[in-house]
């Protein structure tokens, strides 16, 4: 994949992520007070990142599970790999 194609794929990833977050947030009006945002990045397009093991607090874990279920219902056969090292609280 050449540099232009990678940049186009990266831009598309960011746009798709924004669109997914809008749909997710509309369906799941959060009453927890946690502002949740996620970026879905295509493997092989973005630089490889180390997956850091982390045990999430129950509230964040519940939100992550909820989003994962939402995502897999929209994208059959795809899975998420969580990169907690890039997270902020």
PDB file of N, CA and C in Angstrom:
ATOM      1  N   UNK A   1       0.858  -1.178   0.000  1.00  0.00           N
ATOM      2  CA  UNK A   1       0.000   0.000   0.000  1.00  0.00           C
ATOM      3  C   UNK A   1       0.904   1.241   0.000  1.00  0.00           C
ATOM      4  N   UNK A   2       0.669   2.153  -0.932  1.00  0.00           N
ATOM      5  CA  UNK A   2       1.512   3.346  -1.006  1.00  0.00           C
ATOM      6  C   UNK A   2       1.068   4.395   0.008  1.00  0.00           C
ATOM      7  N   UNK A   3       1.863   5.431   0.139  1.00  0.00           N
ATOM      8  CA  UNK A   3       1.616   6.455   1.160  1.00  0.00           C
ATOM      9  C   UNK A   3       0.284   7.181   0.963  1.00  0.00           C
ATOM     10  N   UNK A   4      -0.065   7.481  -0.280  1.00  0.00           N
ATOM     11  CA  UNK A   4      -1.329   8.180  -0.546  1.00  0.00           C
ATOM     12  C   UNK A   4      -2.503   7.295  -0.145  1.00  0.00           C
ATOM     13  N   UNK A   5      -2.446   6.019  -0.491  1.00  0.00           N
ATOM     14  CA  UNK A   5      -3.528   5.087  -0.129  1.00  0.00           C
ATOM     15  C   UNK A   5      -3.655   4.961   1.379  1.00  0.00           C
ATOM     16  N   UNK A   6      -2.505   4.910   2.075  1.00  0.00           N
ATOM     17  CA  UNK A   6      -2.541   4.822   3.534  1.00  0.00           C
ATOM     18  C   UNK A   6      -3.187   6.060   4.145  1.00  0.00           C
ATOM     19  N   UNK A   7      -2.808   7.235   3.651  1.00  0.00           N
ATOM     20  CA  UNK A   7      -3.396   8.475   4.157  1.00  0.00           C
ATOM     21  C   UNK A   7      -4.902   8.525   3.901  1.00  0.00           C
ATOM     22  N   UNK A   8      -5.320   8.069   2.728  1.00  0.00           N
ATOM     23  CA  UNK A   8      -6.745   8.037   2.419  1.00  0.00           C
ATOM     24  C   UNK A   8      -7.469   7.078   3.367  1.00  0.00           C
ATOM     25  N   UNK A   9      -6.877   5.918   3.630  1.00  0.00           N
ATOM     26  CA  UNK A   9      -7.473   4.944   4.550  1.00  0.00           C
ATOM     27  C   UNK A   9      -7.526   5.492   5.970  1.00  0.00           C
ATOM     28  N   UNK A  10      -6.482   6.207   6.390  1.00  0.00           N
ATOM     29  CA  UNK A  10      -6.462   6.809   7.725  1.00  0.00           C
ATOM     30  C   UNK A  10      -7.573   7.841   7.859  1.00  0.00           C
ATOM     31  N   UNK A  11      -7.736   8.674   6.861  1.00  0.00           N
ATOM     32  CA  UNK A  11      -8.789   9.691   6.880  1.00  0.00           C
ATOM     33  C   UNK A  11     -10.152   9.019   6.945  1.00  0.00           C
ATOM     34  N   UNK A  12     -10.341   7.969   6.144  1.00  0.00           N
ATOM     35  CA  UNK A  12     -11.609   7.237   6.137  1.00  0.00           C
ATOM     36  C   UNK A  12     -11.879   6.618   7.507  1.00  0.00           C
ATOM     37  N   UNK A  13     -10.851   6.045   8.142  1.00  0.00           N
ATOM     38  CA  UNK A  13     -10.998   5.475   9.483  1.00  0.00           C
ATOM     39  C   UNK A  13     -11.525   6.513  10.465  1.00  0.00           C
ATOM     40  N   UNK A  14     -10.957   7.703  10.440  1.00  0.00           N
ATOM     41  CA  UNK A  14     -11.371   8.754  11.368  1.00  0.00           C
ATOM     42  C   UNK A  14     -12.807   9.189  11.115  1.00  0.00           C
ATOM     43  N   UNK A  15     -13.186   9.282   9.847  1.00  0.00           N
ATOM     44  CA  UNK A  15     -14.560   9.679   9.508  1.00  0.00           C
ATOM     45  C   UNK A  15     -15.553   8.597   9.929  1.00  0.00           C
ATOM     46  N   UNK A  16     -15.233   7.346   9.659  1.00  0.00           N
ATOM     47  CA  UNK A  16     -16.107   6.238  10.055  1.00  0.00           C
ATOM     48  C   UNK A  16     -16.239   6.194  11.577  1.00  0.00           C
ATOM     49  N   UNK A  17     -15.144   6.436  12.293  1.00  0.00           N
ATOM     50  CA  UNK A  17     -15.176   6.455  13.756  1.00  0.00           C
ATOM     51  C   UNK A  17     -16.128   7.525  14.273  1.00  0.00           C
ATOM     52  N   UNK A  18     -16.055   8.713  13.701  1.00  0.00           N
ATOM     53  CA  UNK A  18     -16.956   9.799  14.109  1.00  0.00           C
ATOM     54  C   UNK A  18     -18.417   9.433  13.855  1.00  0.00           C
ATOM     55  N   UNK A  19     -18.677   8.853  12.696  1.00  0.00           N
ATOM     56  CA  UNK A  19     -20.044   8.460  12.355  1.00  0.00           C
ATOM     57  C   UNK A  19     -20.561   7.382  13.305  1.00  0.00           C
ATOM     58  N   UNK A  20     -19.720   6.389  13.610  1.00  0.00           N
ATOM     59  CA  UNK A  20     -20.115   5.334  14.538  1.00  0.00           C
ATOM     60  C   UNK A  20     -20.396   5.888  15.928  1.00  0.00           C
ATOM     61  N   UNK A  21     -19.564   6.814  16.398  1.00  0.00           N
ATOM     62  CA  UNK A  21     -19.765   7.402  17.724  1.00  0.00           C
ATOM     63  C   UNK A  21     -21.092   8.159  17.786  1.00  0.00           C
ATOM     64  N   UNK A  22     -21.463   8.865  16.715  1.00  0.00           N
ATOM     65  CA  UNK A  22     -22.735   9.582  16.685  1.00  0.00           C
ATOM     66  C   UNK A  22     -23.897   8.609  16.832  1.00  0.00           C
ATOM     67  N   UNK A  23     -23.853   7.517  16.088  1.00  0.00           N
ATOM     68  CA  UNK A  23     -24.929   6.523  16.141  1.00  0.00           C
ATOM     69  C   UNK A  23     -24.955   5.864  17.519  1.00  0.00           C
ATOM     70  N   UNK A  24     -23.790   5.476  18.022  1.00  0.00           N
ATOM     71  CA  UNK A  24     -23.721   4.828  19.335  1.00  0.00           C
ATOM     72  C   UNK A  24     -24.247   5.744  20.434  1.00  0.00           C
ATOM     73  N   UNK A  25     -23.791   6.981  20.442  1.00  0.00           N
ATOM     74  CA  UNK A  25     -24.212   7.929  21.482  1.00  0.00           C
ATOM     75  C   UNK A  25     -25.702   8.242  21.399  1.00  0.00           C
ATOM     76  N   UNK A  26     -26.244   8.267  20.194  1.00  0.00           N
ATOM     77  CA  UNK A  26     -27.678   8.518  20.034  1.00  0.00           C
ATOM     78  C   UNK A  26     -28.491   7.353  20.610  1.00  0.00           C
ATOM     79  N   UNK A  27     -28.027   6.123  20.378  1.00  0.00           N
ATOM     80  CA  UNK A  27     -28.734   4.936  20.871  1.00  0.00           C
ATOM     81  C   UNK A  27     -28.516   4.699  22.356  1.00  0.00           C
ATOM     82  N   UNK A  28     -27.400   5.152  22.884  1.00  0.00           N
ATOM     83  CA  UNK A  28     -27.025   4.862  24.267  1.00  0.00           C
ATOM     84  C   UNK A  28     -26.824   6.158  25.032  1.00  0.00           C
ATOM     85  N   UNK A  29     -27.891   6.841  25.307  1.00  0.00           N
ATOM     86  CA  UNK A  29     -27.791   8.073  26.083  1.00  0.00           C
ATOM     87  C   UNK A  29     -27.175   7.725  27.433  1.00  0.00           C
ATOM     88  N   UNK A  30     -25.970   8.177  27.643  1.00  0.00           N
ATOM     89  CA  UNK A  30     -25.198   7.802  28.836  1.00  0.00           C
ATOM     90  C   UNK A  30     -25.670   8.554  30.068  1.00  0.00           C
ATOM     91  N   UNK A  31     -25.978   7.804  31.095  1.00  0.00           N
ATOM     92  CA  UNK A  31     -26.381   8.412  32.362  1.00  0.00           C
ATOM     93  C   UNK A  31     -25.284   8.269  33.412  1.00  0.00           C
ATOM     94  N   UNK A  32     -24.123   7.760  33.003  1.00  0.00           N
ATOM     95  CA  UNK A  32     -23.035   7.517  33.953  1.00  0.00           C
ATOM     96  C   UNK A  32     -22.185   8.746  34.199  1.00  0.00           C
ATOM     97  N   UNK A  33     -22.281   9.740  33.325  1.00  0.00           N
ATOM     98  CA  UNK A  33     -21.442  10.920  33.448  1.00  0.00           C
ATOM     99  C   UNK A  33     -20.076  10.735  32.795  1.00  0.00           C
ATOM    100  N   UNK A  34     -19.862   9.593  32.149  1.00  0.00           N
ATOM    101  CA  UNK A  34     -18.592   9.309  31.486  1.00  0.00           C
ATOM    102  C   UNK A  34     -18.715   9.714  30.022  1.00  0.00           C
ATOM    103  N   UNK A  35     -17.786  10.546  29.576  1.00  0.00           N
ATOM    104  CA  UNK A  35     -17.750  10.927  28.165  1.00  0.00           C
ATOM    105  C   UNK A  35     -16.891   9.898  27.441  1.00  0.00           C
ATOM    106  N   UNK A  36     -17.501   9.142  26.557  1.00  0.00           N
ATOM    107  CA  UNK A  36     -16.833   8.032  25.884  1.00  0.00           C
ATOM    108  C   UNK A  36     -16.638   8.366  24.421  1.00  0.00           C
ATOM    109  N   UNK A  37     -15.419   8.185  23.943  1.00  0.00           N
ATOM    110  CA  UNK A  37     -15.101   8.406  22.533  1.00  0.00           C
ATOM    111  C   UNK A  37     -14.081   7.354  22.118  1.00  0.00           C
ATOM    112  N   UNK A  38     -14.216   6.875  20.910  1.00  0.00           N
ATOM    113  CA  UNK A  38     -13.318   5.825  20.438  1.00  0.00           C
ATOM    114  C   UNK A  38     -12.974   6.076  18.975  1.00  0.00           C
ATOM    115  N   UNK A  39     -11.783   5.671  18.581  1.00  0.00           N
ATOM    116  CA  UNK A  39     -11.378   5.737  17.182  1.00  0.00           C
ATOM    117  C   UNK A  39     -11.078   4.321  16.721  1.00  0.00           C
ATOM    118  N   UNK A  40     -11.716   3.919  15.646  1.00  0.00           N
ATOM    119  CA  UNK A  40     -11.503   2.610  15.055  1.00  0.00           C
ATOM    120  C   UNK A  40     -10.455   2.779  13.956  1.00  0.00           C
ATOM    121  N   UNK A  41      -9.332   2.099  14.107  1.00  0.00           N
ATOM    122  CA  UNK A  41      -8.223   2.223  13.165  1.00  0.00           C
ATOM    123  C   UNK A  41      -7.985   0.875  12.488  1.00  0.00           C
ATOM    124  N   UNK A  42      -7.853   0.892  11.180  1.00  0.00           N
ATOM    125  CA  UNK A  42      -7.642  -0.346  10.430  1.00  0.00           C
ATOM    126  C   UNK A  42      -6.238  -0.886  10.643  1.00  0.00           C
ATOM    127  N   UNK A  43      -6.169  -2.148  11.008  1.00  0.00           N
ATOM    128  CA  UNK A  43      -4.877  -2.790  11.210  1.00  0.00           C
ATOM    129  C   UNK A  43      -4.164  -2.881   9.861  1.00  0.00           C
ATOM    130  N   UNK A  44      -2.893  -2.618   9.856  1.00  0.00           N
ATOM    131  CA  UNK A  44      -2.106  -2.680   8.632  1.00  0.00           C
ATOM    132  C   UNK A  44      -1.969  -1.335   7.939  1.00  0.00           C
ATOM    133  N   UNK A  45      -2.805  -0.382   8.319  1.00  0.00           N
ATOM    134  CA  UNK A  45      -2.742   0.956   7.739  1.00  0.00           C
ATOM    135  C   UNK A  45      -1.981   1.883   8.673  1.00  0.00           C
ATOM    136  N   UNK A  46      -2.330   1.811   9.952  1.00  0.00           N
ATOM    137  CA  UNK A  46      -1.695   2.636  10.980  1.00  0.00           C
ATOM    138  C   UNK A  46      -0.450   1.910  11.494  1.00  0.00           C
ATOM    139  N   UNK A  47       0.516   2.652  12.035  1.00  0.00           N
ATOM    140  CA  UNK A  47       1.694   1.991  12.610  1.00  0.00           C
ATOM    141  C   UNK A  47       1.275   1.004  13.705  1.00  0.00           C
ATOM    142  N   UNK A  48       1.950  -0.117  13.766  1.00  0.00           N
ATOM    143  CA  UNK A  48       1.642  -1.157  14.761  1.00  0.00           C
ATOM    144  C   UNK A  48       1.859  -0.609  16.165  1.00  0.00           C
ATOM    145  N   UNK A  49       0.931  -0.921  17.053  1.00  0.00           N
ATOM    146  CA  UNK A  49       0.990  -0.444  18.431  1.00  0.00           C
ATOM    147  C   UNK A  49       1.010  -1.627  19.384  1.00  0.00           C
ATOM    148  N   UNK A  50       1.732  -1.470  20.457  1.00  0.00           N
ATOM    149  CA  UNK A  50       1.792  -2.513  21.477  1.00  0.00           C
ATOM    150  C   UNK A  50       0.484  -2.518  22.267  1.00  0.00           C
ATOM    151  N   UNK A  51      -0.039  -3.716  22.503  1.00  0.00           N
ATOM    152  CA  UNK A  51      -1.258  -3.848  23.294  1.00  0.00           C
ATOM    153  C   UNK A  51      -0.869  -4.011  24.759  1.00  0.00           C
ATOM    154  N   UNK A  52      -1.223  -3.029  25.575  1.00  0.00           N
ATOM    155  CA  UNK A  52      -0.876  -3.009  26.992  1.00  0.00           C
ATOM    156  C   UNK A  52      -2.023  -3.636  27.779  1.00  0.00           C
ATOM    157  N   UNK A  53      -1.740  -4.677  28.585  1.00  0.00           N
ATOM    158  CA  UNK A  53      -2.822  -5.265  29.377  1.00  0.00           C
ATOM    159  C   UNK A  53      -3.291  -4.291  30.463  1.00  0.00           C
ATOM    160  N   UNK A  54      -4.588  -4.262  30.678  1.00  0.00           N
ATOM    161  CA  UNK A  54      -5.151  -3.352  31.658  1.00  0.00           C
ATOM    162  C   UNK A  54      -6.484  -3.908  32.142  1.00  0.00           C
ATOM    163  N   UNK A  55      -6.705  -3.839  33.429  1.00  0.00           N
ATOM    164  CA  UNK A  55      -8.003  -4.208  33.988  1.00  0.00           C
ATOM    165  C   UNK A  55      -8.765  -2.912  34.204  1.00  0.00           C
ATOM    166  N   UNK A  56      -9.849  -2.771  33.468  1.00  0.00           N
ATOM    167  CA  UNK A  56     -10.642  -1.541  33.550  1.00  0.00           C
ATOM    168  C   UNK A  56     -11.533  -1.543  34.788  1.00  0.00           C
ATOM    169  N   UNK A  57     -11.784  -0.366  35.342  1.00  0.00           N
ATOM    170  CA  UNK A  57     -12.809  -0.275  36.381  1.00  0.00           C
ATOM    171  C   UNK A  57     -14.147  -0.752  35.798  1.00  0.00           C
ATOM    172  N   UNK A  58     -15.002  -1.271  36.644  1.00  0.00           N
ATOM    173  CA  UNK A  58     -16.259  -1.877  36.192  1.00  0.00           C
ATOM    174  C   UNK A  58     -17.053  -0.963  35.252  1.00  0.00           C
ATOM    175  N   UNK A  59     -17.209   0.301  35.600  1.00  0.00           N
ATOM    176  CA  UNK A  59     -17.987   1.231  34.782  1.00  0.00           C
ATOM    177  C   UNK A  59     -17.419   1.345  33.370  1.00  0.00           C
ATOM    178  N   UNK A  60     -16.103   1.527  33.262  1.00  0.00           N
ATOM    179  CA  UNK A  60     -15.475   1.639  31.939  1.00  0.00           C
ATOM    180  C   UNK A  60     -15.539   0.319  31.184  1.00  0.00           C
ATOM    181  N   UNK A  61     -15.367  -0.780  31.910  1.00  0.00           N
ATOM    182  CA  UNK A  61     -15.464  -2.096  31.286  1.00  0.00           C
ATOM    183  C   UNK A  61     -16.844  -2.336  30.707  1.00  0.00           C
ATOM    184  N   UNK A  62     -17.887  -1.932  31.440  1.00  0.00           N
ATOM    185  CA  UNK A  62     -19.260  -2.078  30.950  1.00  0.00           C
ATOM    186  C   UNK A  62     -19.486  -1.258  29.681  1.00  0.00           C
ATOM    187  N   UNK A  63     -18.941  -0.058  29.651  1.00  0.00           N
ATOM    188  CA  UNK A  63     -19.075   0.796  28.465  1.00  0.00           C
ATOM    189  C   UNK A  63     -18.324   0.183  27.285  1.00  0.00           C
ATOM    190  N   UNK A  64     -17.125  -0.336  27.530  1.00  0.00           N
ATOM    191  CA  UNK A  64     -16.344  -0.972  26.464  1.00  0.00           C
ATOM    192  C   UNK A  64     -17.082  -2.182  25.901  1.00  0.00           C
ATOM    193  N   UNK A  65     -17.668  -2.984  26.758  1.00  0.00           N
ATOM    194  CA  UNK A  65     -18.434  -4.156  26.307  1.00  0.00           C
ATOM    195  C   UNK A  65     -19.637  -3.704  25.481  1.00  0.00           C
ATOM    196  N   UNK A  66     -20.323  -2.675  25.942  1.00  0.00           N
ATOM    197  CA  UNK A  66     -21.476  -2.143  25.221  1.00  0.00           C
ATOM    198  C   UNK A  66     -21.071  -1.676  23.820  1.00  0.00           C
ATOM    199  N   UNK A  67     -19.957  -0.956  23.729  1.00  0.00           N
ATOM    200  CA  UNK A  67     -19.513  -0.473  22.419  1.00  0.00           C
ATOM    201  C   UNK A  67     -19.087  -1.641  21.536  1.00  0.00           C
ATOM    202  N   UNK A  68     -18.400  -2.615  22.118  1.00  0.00           N
ATOM    203  CA  UNK A  68     -17.947  -3.761  21.330  1.00  0.00           C
ATOM    204  C   UNK A  68     -19.146  -4.510  20.748  1.00  0.00           C
ATOM    205  N   UNK A  69     -20.199  -4.688  21.534  1.00  0.00           N
ATOM    206  CA  UNK A  69     -21.413  -5.343  21.042  1.00  0.00           C
ATOM    207  C   UNK A  69     -22.053  -4.523  19.920  1.00  0.00           C
ATOM    208  N   UNK A  70     -22.099  -3.216  20.103  1.00  0.00           N
ATOM    209  CA  UNK A  70     -22.628  -2.323  19.073  1.00  0.00           C
ATOM    210  C   UNK A  70     -21.807  -2.461  17.788  1.00  0.00           C
ATOM    211  N   UNK A  71     -20.483  -2.405  17.919  1.00  0.00           N
ATOM    212  CA  UNK A  71     -19.598  -2.452  16.756  1.00  0.00           C
ATOM    213  C   UNK A  71     -19.737  -3.774  16.004  1.00  0.00           C
ATOM    214  N   UNK A  72     -19.698  -4.887  16.721  1.00  0.00           N
ATOM    215  CA  UNK A  72     -19.771  -6.189  16.055  1.00  0.00           C
ATOM    216  C   UNK A  72     -21.146  -6.436  15.442  1.00  0.00           C
ATOM    217  N   UNK A  73     -22.189  -5.789  15.957  1.00  0.00           N
ATOM    218  CA  UNK A  73     -23.509  -5.922  15.326  1.00  0.00           C
ATOM    219  C   UNK A  73     -23.546  -5.192  13.984  1.00  0.00           C
ATOM    220  N   UNK A  74     -22.736  -4.166  13.855  1.00  0.00           N
ATOM    221  CA  UNK A  74     -22.669  -3.392  12.605  1.00  0.00           C
ATOM    222  C   UNK A  74     -21.663  -3.971  11.611  1.00  0.00           C
ATOM    223  N   UNK A  75     -20.643  -4.643  12.116  1.00  0.00           N
ATOM    224  CA  UNK A  75     -19.535  -5.124  11.275  1.00  0.00           C
ATOM    225  C   UNK A  75     -19.289  -6.601  11.554  1.00  0.00           C
ATOM    226  N   UNK A  76     -20.114  -7.433  10.945  1.00  0.00           N
ATOM    227  CA  UNK A  76     -19.992  -8.881  11.137  1.00  0.00           C
ATOM    228  C   UNK A  76     -18.614  -9.373  10.701  1.00  0.00           C
ATOM    229  N   UNK A  77     -18.016 -10.231  11.527  1.00  0.00           N
ATOM    230  CA  UNK A  77     -16.726 -10.820  11.199  1.00  0.00           C
ATOM    231  C   UNK A  77     -15.528  -9.972  11.578  1.00  0.00           C
ATOM    232  N   UNK A  78     -15.760  -8.759  12.061  1.00  0.00           N
ATOM    233  CA  UNK A  78     -14.654  -7.906  12.496  1.00  0.00           C
ATOM    234  C   UNK A  78     -14.591  -7.906  14.015  1.00  0.00           C
ATOM    235  N   UNK A  79     -13.409  -7.633  14.534  1.00  0.00           N
ATOM    236  CA  UNK A  79     -13.249  -7.577  15.987  1.00  0.00           C
ATOM    237  C   UNK A  79     -12.445  -6.337  16.355  1.00  0.00           C
ATOM    238  N   UNK A  80     -12.502  -5.990  17.622  1.00  0.00           N
ATOM    239  CA  UNK A  80     -11.764  -4.838  18.130  1.00  0.00           C
ATOM    240  C   UNK A  80     -10.577  -5.305  18.956  1.00  0.00           C
ATOM    241  N   UNK A  81      -9.483  -4.598  18.825  1.00  0.00           N
ATOM    242  CA  UNK A  81      -8.293  -4.809  19.648  1.00  0.00           C
ATOM    243  C   UNK A  81      -8.082  -3.499  20.393  1.00  0.00           C
ATOM    244  N   UNK A  82      -8.266  -3.539  21.705  1.00  0.00           N
ATOM    245  CA  UNK A  82      -8.219  -2.318  22.511  1.00  0.00           C
ATOM    246  C   UNK A  82      -6.774  -1.911  22.791  1.00  0.00           C
ATOM    247  N   UNK A  83      -6.455  -0.665  22.510  1.00  0.00           N
ATOM    248  CA  UNK A  83      -5.117  -0.115  22.764  1.00  0.00           C
ATOM    249  C   UNK A  83      -5.225   0.875  23.917  1.00  0.00           C
ATOM    250  N   UNK A  84      -5.221   0.337  25.116  1.00  0.00           N
ATOM    251  CA  UNK A  84      -5.411   1.152  26.311  1.00  0.00           C
ATOM    252  C   UNK A  84      -4.280   2.151  26.536  1.00  0.00           C
ATOM    253  N   UNK A  85      -3.106   1.881  25.988  1.00  0.00           N
ATOM    254  CA  UNK A  85      -1.983   2.789  26.129  1.00  0.00           C
ATOM    255  C   UNK A  85      -2.207   4.140  25.475  1.00  0.00           C
ATOM    256  N   UNK A  86      -3.227   4.240  24.633  1.00  0.00           N
ATOM    257  CA  UNK A  86      -3.547   5.499  23.958  1.00  0.00           C
ATOM    258  C   UNK A  86      -4.788   6.161  24.542  1.00  0.00           C
ATOM    259  N   UNK A  87      -5.234   5.651  25.664  1.00  0.00           N
ATOM    260  CA  UNK A  87      -6.463   6.159  26.288  1.00  0.00           C
ATOM    261  C   UNK A  87      -6.171   7.345  27.189  1.00  0.00           C
ATOM    262  N   UNK A  88      -7.202   8.136  27.395  1.00  0.00           N
ATOM    263  CA  UNK A  88      -7.122   9.225  28.367  1.00  0.00           C
ATOM    264  C   UNK A  88      -8.351   9.157  29.267  1.00  0.00           C
ATOM    265  N   UNK A  89      -8.213   9.680  30.450  1.00  0.00           N
ATOM    266  CA  UNK A  89      -9.329   9.696  31.399  1.00  0.00           C
ATOM    267  C   UNK A  89      -9.536  11.116  31.874  1.00  0.00           C
TER     268      UNK A  89
END
